[in-house]
Amino acid sequence: MEKTEIKKVCKFCHIEKPLSQFEMERRNRDGYTGRCKLCRCKMRSQNGEYEREKFRKHEYKSNTPSHYTDEVIQRMMSATHCVYCGGEGNRISGDANELVMDHIYYAGGYAGKNIDDNIVACHRSCNTSKGRLHVYDYYQTSEKFTDELWHEFVKQFARRLLKYDPSEQEIETWKQGFADEAADLRVVSPAD
């Protein structure tokens, strides 16, 4: 006698699926949720739950309070390209081109804060290669972080902090500020 697998219709996609495709929910009569795992995953991705969870986990791991607003979460969710190399990103977990959160200033070091202005979206591979480098030093060493991308990066960073569109002269001043700051840090803590 063959054992038949019990199935259920998802209330969202209306497809009949095995119970293993649903999460358990004791409050429901059949003991399972009405939404399949795939629909739940799609919904969480669309409404920002995954991004909020990433921020919450980061706050827990770094043992520092975060002050992220819905604005930065929305910015992370709507990002389509890496801020450093300009390449198109994806949402495939663990992929080199997955768009992840990066602290412009390393979160555990100099000026690294869990605030909106210090967060950008970049490829997982760019995040790994940047590591704890100052953003200017990363710009200098990366073949992918072009002059055009550097200019746009500084412009967007200044725009977030100043709350207005900076002039070209202000952008050049910010660029020089990043260069001076990186040089000062190299003097204070030279590489081993």
C-alpha atoms as a PDB file:
ATOM      1  CA  MET A   1       0.000   0.000   0.000  1.00  0.00           C
ATOM      2  CA  GLU A   2       1.470   3.334  -1.096  1.00  0.00           C
ATOM      3  CA  LYS A   3       1.524   6.242   1.273  1.00  0.00           C
ATOM      4  CA  THR A   4      -0.121   9.298  -0.303  1.00  0.00           C
ATOM      5  CA  GLU A   5       1.297  12.680   0.493  1.00  0.00           C
ATOM      6  CA  ILE A   6      -1.178  15.175   1.887  1.00  0.00           C
ATOM      7  CA  LYS A   7      -1.451  18.359  -0.148  1.00  0.00           C
ATOM      8  CA  LYS A   8      -2.868  21.805   0.388  1.00  0.00           C
ATOM      9  CA  VAL A   9      -3.727  24.759  -1.853  1.00  0.00           C
ATOM     10  CA  CYS A  10      -1.806  27.988  -1.148  1.00  0.00           C
ATOM     11  CA  LYS A  11      -4.163  30.906  -0.552  1.00  0.00           C
ATOM     12  CA  PHE A  12      -1.841  33.254  -2.451  1.00  0.00           C
ATOM     13  CA  CYS A  13      -0.605  31.420  -5.548  1.00  0.00           C
ATOM     14  CA  HIS A  14      -3.587  28.976  -5.607  1.00  0.00           C
ATOM     15  CA  ILE A  15      -1.317  26.032  -6.423  1.00  0.00           C
ATOM     16  CA  GLU A  16      -1.735  22.683  -4.715  1.00  0.00           C
ATOM     17  CA  LYS A  17       1.499  21.751  -2.945  1.00  0.00           C
ATOM     18  CA  PRO A  18       2.670  19.124  -0.428  1.00  0.00           C
ATOM     19  CA  LEU A  19       2.387  20.102   3.251  1.00  0.00           C
ATOM     20  CA  SER A  20       6.188  20.193   3.423  1.00  0.00           C
ATOM     21  CA  GLN A  21       5.940  23.428   1.365  1.00  0.00           C
ATOM     22  CA  PHE A  22       4.022  25.147   4.189  1.00  0.00           C
ATOM     23  CA  GLU A  23       5.183  26.250   7.625  1.00  0.00           C
ATOM     24  CA  MET A  24       3.599  24.768  10.709  1.00  0.00           C
ATOM     25  CA  GLU A  25       1.007  26.880  12.506  1.00  0.00           C
ATOM     26  CA  ARG A  26      -0.655  25.249  15.523  1.00  0.00           C
ATOM     27  CA  ARG A  27      -3.496  27.766  15.612  1.00  0.00           C
ATOM     28  CA  ASN A  28      -4.812  26.641  12.220  1.00  0.00           C
ATOM     29  CA  ARG A  29      -7.132  23.671  11.997  1.00  0.00           C
ATOM     30  CA  ASP A  30      -4.801  21.633   9.778  1.00  0.00           C
ATOM     31  CA  GLY A  31      -1.665  22.763  11.644  1.00  0.00           C
ATOM     32  CA  TYR A  32      -0.117  24.654   8.709  1.00  0.00           C
ATOM     33  CA  THR A  33      -0.109  28.226   7.378  1.00  0.00           C
ATOM     34  CA  GLY A  34      -2.301  29.117   4.427  1.00  0.00           C
ATOM     35  CA  ARG A  35       0.640  30.601   2.499  1.00  0.00           C
ATOM     36  CA  CYS A  36       3.341  28.389   0.984  1.00  0.00           C
ATOM     37  CA  LYS A  37       6.998  29.010   1.773  1.00  0.00           C
ATOM     38  CA  LEU A  38       7.713  30.336  -1.721  1.00  0.00           C
ATOM     39  CA  CYS A  39       4.916  32.941  -1.510  1.00  0.00           C
ATOM     40  CA  ARG A  40       6.089  33.920   1.987  1.00  0.00           C
ATOM     41  CA  CYS A  41       9.619  34.384   0.665  1.00  0.00           C
ATOM     42  CA  LYS A  42       8.410  36.540  -2.243  1.00  0.00           C
ATOM     43  CA  MET A  43       6.262  38.645   0.077  1.00  0.00           C
ATOM     44  CA  ARG A  44       9.073  39.204   2.581  1.00  0.00           C
ATOM     45  CA  SER A  45      11.420  40.211  -0.219  1.00  0.00           C
ATOM     46  CA  GLN A  46       8.919  42.729  -1.621  1.00  0.00           C
ATOM     47  CA  ASN A  47       7.934  44.368   1.671  1.00  0.00           C
ATOM     48  CA  GLY A  48      11.477  44.804   3.036  1.00  0.00           C
ATOM     49  CA  GLU A  49      11.372  42.189   5.789  1.00  0.00           C
ATOM     50  CA  TYR A  50      14.612  40.604   4.558  1.00  0.00           C
ATOM     51  CA  GLU A  51      16.434  43.931   4.583  1.00  0.00           C
ATOM     52  CA  ARG A  52      15.099  44.758   8.059  1.00  0.00           C
ATOM     53  CA  GLU A  53      16.255  41.344   9.254  1.00  0.00           C
ATOM     54  CA  LYS A  54      19.753  41.942   7.816  1.00  0.00           C
ATOM     55  CA  PHE A  55      19.961  45.252   9.670  1.00  0.00           C
ATOM     56  CA  ARG A  56      18.705  43.662  12.901  1.00  0.00           C
ATOM     57  CA  LYS A  57      21.243  40.829  12.646  1.00  0.00           C
ATOM     58  CA  HIS A  58      24.040  43.290  11.913  1.00  0.00           C
ATOM     59  CA  GLU A  59      23.081  45.300  14.980  1.00  0.00           C
ATOM     60  CA  TYR A  60      23.120  42.139  17.089  1.00  0.00           C
ATOM     61  CA  LYS A  61      26.475  40.878  15.713  1.00  0.00           C
ATOM     62  CA  SER A  62      28.235  44.216  16.074  1.00  0.00           C
ATOM     63  CA  ASN A  63      26.688  44.799  19.506  1.00  0.00           C
ATOM     64  CA  THR A  64      26.063  48.411  18.593  1.00  0.00           C
ATOM     65  CA  PRO A  65      22.758  50.186  18.272  1.00  0.00           C
ATOM     66  CA  SER A  66      21.680  51.035  14.775  1.00  0.00           C
ATOM     67  CA  HIS A  67      19.720  54.050  13.729  1.00  0.00           C
ATOM     68  CA  TYR A  68      18.548  52.907  10.327  1.00  0.00           C
ATOM     69  CA  THR A  69      15.395  54.465   8.998  1.00  0.00           C
ATOM     70  CA  ASP A  70      12.894  53.079   6.522  1.00  0.00           C
ATOM     71  CA  GLU A  71      14.552  55.416   4.006  1.00  0.00           C
ATOM     72  CA  VAL A  72      17.843  53.499   4.051  1.00  0.00           C
ATOM     73  CA  ILE A  73      16.026  50.167   3.998  1.00  0.00           C
ATOM     74  CA  GLN A  74      14.082  51.358   0.954  1.00  0.00           C
ATOM     75  CA  ARG A  75      17.323  52.596  -0.642  1.00  0.00           C
ATOM     76  CA  MET A  76      18.904  49.176  -0.109  1.00  0.00           C
ATOM     77  CA  MET A  77      15.848  47.375  -1.510  1.00  0.00           C
ATOM     78  CA  SER A  78      15.657  49.557  -4.604  1.00  0.00           C
ATOM     79  CA  ALA A  79      19.399  49.433  -5.360  1.00  0.00           C
ATOM     80  CA  THR A  80      20.160  47.757  -8.664  1.00  0.00           C
ATOM     81  CA  HIS A  81      23.890  48.488  -9.103  1.00  0.00           C
ATOM     82  CA  CYS A  82      27.038  48.334  -6.987  1.00  0.00           C
ATOM     83  CA  VAL A  83      28.113  51.769  -5.772  1.00  0.00           C
ATOM     84  CA  TYR A  84      31.804  50.855  -6.169  1.00  0.00           C
ATOM     85  CA  CYS A  85      32.080  49.045  -9.515  1.00  0.00           C
ATOM     86  CA  GLY A  86      28.809  50.096 -11.126  1.00  0.00           C
ATOM     87  CA  GLY A  87      27.943  46.523 -12.073  1.00  0.00           C
ATOM     88  CA  GLU A  88      24.390  45.240 -11.976  1.00  0.00           C
ATOM     89  CA  GLY A  89      23.518  43.395  -8.795  1.00  0.00           C
ATOM     90  CA  ASN A  90      21.124  40.623  -7.853  1.00  0.00           C
ATOM     91  CA  ARG A  91      19.419  39.210  -4.752  1.00  0.00           C
ATOM     92  CA  ILE A  92      20.838  35.681  -4.975  1.00  0.00           C
ATOM     93  CA  SER A  93      22.136  34.861  -1.516  1.00  0.00           C
ATOM     94  CA  GLY A  94      25.874  34.142  -1.469  1.00  0.00           C
ATOM     95  CA  ASP A  95      26.411  35.144  -5.118  1.00  0.00           C
ATOM     96  CA  ALA A  96      29.416  37.406  -5.805  1.00  0.00           C
ATOM     97  CA  ASN A  97      27.073  39.959  -7.418  1.00  0.00           C
ATOM     98  CA  GLU A  98      24.511  39.900  -4.623  1.00  0.00           C
ATOM     99  CA  LEU A  99      23.831  43.436  -3.429  1.00  0.00           C
ATOM    100  CA  VAL A 100      24.703  43.696   0.248  1.00  0.00           C
ATOM    101  CA  MET A 101      24.959  46.463   2.819  1.00  0.00           C
ATOM    102  CA  ASP A 102      28.373  48.055   3.222  1.00  0.00           C
ATOM    103  CA  HIS A 103      29.591  50.608   5.727  1.00  0.00           C
ATOM    104  CA  ILE A 104      31.483  53.345   3.937  1.00  0.00           C
ATOM    105  CA  TYR A 105      33.461  53.761   7.131  1.00  0.00           C
ATOM    106  CA  TYR A 106      34.202  50.376   8.699  1.00  0.00           C
ATOM    107  CA  ALA A 107      31.588  49.830  11.423  1.00  0.00           C
ATOM    108  CA  GLY A 108      34.104  48.831  14.074  1.00  0.00           C
ATOM    109  CA  GLY A 109      36.649  51.499  13.369  1.00  0.00           C
ATOM    110  CA  TYR A 110      37.190  55.157  12.731  1.00  0.00           C
ATOM    111  CA  ALA A 111      33.935  57.067  12.213  1.00  0.00           C
ATOM    112  CA  GLY A 112      32.073  53.813  11.494  1.00  0.00           C
ATOM    113  CA  LYS A 113      28.533  54.294  12.649  1.00  0.00           C
ATOM    114  CA  ASN A 114      25.334  52.394  12.086  1.00  0.00           C
ATOM    115  CA  ILE A 115      23.574  55.350  10.537  1.00  0.00           C
ATOM    116  CA  ASP A 116      21.867  55.846   7.190  1.00  0.00           C
ATOM    117  CA  ASP A 117      24.549  58.090   5.724  1.00  0.00           C
ATOM    118  CA  ASN A 118      27.237  55.445   6.266  1.00  0.00           C
ATOM    119  CA  ILE A 119      25.392  52.682   4.381  1.00  0.00           C
ATOM    120  CA  VAL A 120      25.548  51.843   0.673  1.00  0.00           C
ATOM    121  CA  ALA A 121      24.636  48.863  -1.501  1.00  0.00           C
ATOM    122  CA  CYS A 122      27.469  47.028  -3.203  1.00  0.00           C
ATOM    123  CA  HIS A 123      28.338  43.628  -4.627  1.00  0.00           C
ATOM    124  CA  ARG A 124      29.301  41.008  -2.094  1.00  0.00           C
ATOM    125  CA  SER A 125      32.635  40.667  -3.941  1.00  0.00           C
ATOM    126  CA  CYS A 126      33.334  44.427  -3.744  1.00  0.00           C
ATOM    127  CA  ASN A 127      32.417  44.431  -0.050  1.00  0.00           C
ATOM    128  CA  THR A 128      34.882  41.600   0.541  1.00  0.00           C
ATOM    129  CA  SER A 129      37.699  43.245  -1.426  1.00  0.00           C
ATOM    130  CA  LYS A 130      37.120  46.605   0.289  1.00  0.00           C
ATOM    131  CA  GLY A 131      37.162  45.002   3.726  1.00  0.00           C
ATOM    132  CA  ARG A 132      38.245  47.574   6.304  1.00  0.00           C
ATOM    133  CA  LEU A 133      39.943  49.883   3.824  1.00  0.00           C
ATOM    134  CA  HIS A 134      39.090  53.552   3.876  1.00  0.00           C
ATOM    135  CA  VAL A 135      36.833  54.254   0.895  1.00  0.00           C
ATOM    136  CA  TYR A 136      39.490  56.494  -0.710  1.00  0.00           C
ATOM    137  CA  ASP A 137      42.146  53.784  -0.388  1.00  0.00           C
ATOM    138  CA  TYR A 138      39.733  51.296  -1.930  1.00  0.00           C
ATOM    139  CA  TYR A 139      39.091  53.720  -4.798  1.00  0.00           C
ATOM    140  CA  GLN A 140      42.873  53.994  -5.342  1.00  0.00           C
ATOM    141  CA  THR A 141      43.467  50.222  -5.351  1.00  0.00           C
ATOM    142  CA  SER A 142      40.383  48.951  -7.195  1.00  0.00           C
ATOM    143  CA  GLU A 143      40.504  48.586 -10.973  1.00  0.00           C
ATOM    144  CA  LYS A 144      36.692  48.653 -11.133  1.00  0.00           C
ATOM    145  CA  PHE A 145      36.125  51.801  -9.025  1.00  0.00           C
ATOM    146  CA  THR A 146      36.602  54.319 -11.867  1.00  0.00           C
ATOM    147  CA  ASP A 147      36.990  58.101 -11.675  1.00  0.00           C
ATOM    148  CA  GLU A 148      33.388  58.528 -12.869  1.00  0.00           C
ATOM    149  CA  LEU A 149      32.082  56.155 -10.205  1.00  0.00           C
ATOM    150  CA  TRP A 150      34.222  57.887  -7.556  1.00  0.00           C
ATOM    151  CA  HIS A 151      32.801  61.270  -8.561  1.00  0.00           C
ATOM    152  CA  GLU A 152      29.227  59.936  -8.398  1.00  0.00           C
ATOM    153  CA  PHE A 153      29.922  58.184  -5.075  1.00  0.00           C
ATOM    154  CA  VAL A 154      31.242  61.392  -3.484  1.00  0.00           C
ATOM    155  CA  LYS A 155      28.350  63.404  -4.950  1.00  0.00           C
ATOM    156  CA  GLN A 156      25.741  61.011  -3.512  1.00  0.00           C
ATOM    157  CA  PHE A 157      27.512  60.807  -0.150  1.00  0.00           C
ATOM    158  CA  ALA A 158      27.681  64.599   0.112  1.00  0.00           C
ATOM    159  CA  ARG A 159      24.049  64.901  -0.994  1.00  0.00           C
ATOM    160  CA  ARG A 160      22.906  62.561   1.800  1.00  0.00           C
ATOM    161  CA  LEU A 161      24.863  64.474   4.436  1.00  0.00           C
ATOM    162  CA  LEU A 162      24.194  68.006   3.215  1.00  0.00           C
ATOM    163  CA  LYS A 163      20.531  67.378   2.269  1.00  0.00           C
ATOM    164  CA  TYR A 164      20.988  69.295  -0.998  1.00  0.00           C
ATOM    165  CA  ASP A 165      22.758  68.839  -4.346  1.00  0.00           C
ATOM    166  CA  PRO A 166      26.391  69.875  -3.920  1.00  0.00           C
ATOM    167  CA  SER A 167      28.131  72.025  -6.520  1.00  0.00           C
ATOM    168  CA  GLU A 168      31.081  70.688  -8.510  1.00  0.00           C
ATOM    169  CA  GLN A 169      33.416  72.756  -6.339  1.00  0.00           C
ATOM    170  CA  GLU A 170      31.933  71.222  -3.188  1.00  0.00           C
ATOM    171  CA  ILE A 171      32.310  67.732  -4.652  1.00  0.00           C
ATOM    172  CA  GLU A 172      35.992  68.397  -5.383  1.00  0.00           C
ATOM    173  CA  THR A 173      36.422  69.636  -1.811  1.00  0.00           C
ATOM    174  CA  TRP A 174      34.808  66.437  -0.496  1.00  0.00           C
ATOM    175  CA  LYS A 175      37.109  64.337  -2.700  1.00  0.00           C
ATOM    176  CA  GLN A 176      40.141  66.111  -1.275  1.00  0.00           C
ATOM    177  CA  GLY A 177      38.721  65.623   2.212  1.00  0.00           C
ATOM    178  CA  PHE A 178      38.485  61.868   1.664  1.00  0.00           C
ATOM    179  CA  ALA A 179      42.082  61.788   0.368  1.00  0.00           C
ATOM    180  CA  ASP A 180      43.390  63.812   3.344  1.00  0.00           C
ATOM    181  CA  GLU A 181      41.431  61.699   5.817  1.00  0.00           C
ATOM    182  CA  ALA A 182      42.822  58.457   4.343  1.00  0.00           C
ATOM    183  CA  ALA A 183      46.379  59.850   4.476  1.00  0.00           C
ATOM    184  CA  ASP A 184      45.913  60.876   8.113  1.00  0.00           C
ATOM    185  CA  LEU A 185      44.658  57.393   8.989  1.00  0.00           C
ATOM    186  CA  ARG A 186      47.642  55.759   7.308  1.00  0.00           C
ATOM    187  CA  VAL A 187      49.946  57.849   9.525  1.00  0.00           C
ATOM    188  CA  VAL A 188      47.997  56.985  12.692  1.00  0.00           C
ATOM    189  CA  SER A 189      47.705  53.268  11.936  1.00  0.00           C
ATOM    190  CA  PRO A 190      50.164  52.236   9.200  1.00  0.00           C
ATOM    191  CA  ALA A 191      49.579  48.892   7.472  1.00  0.00           C
ATOM    192  CA  ASP A 192      51.561  45.960   8.815  1.00  0.00           C
END
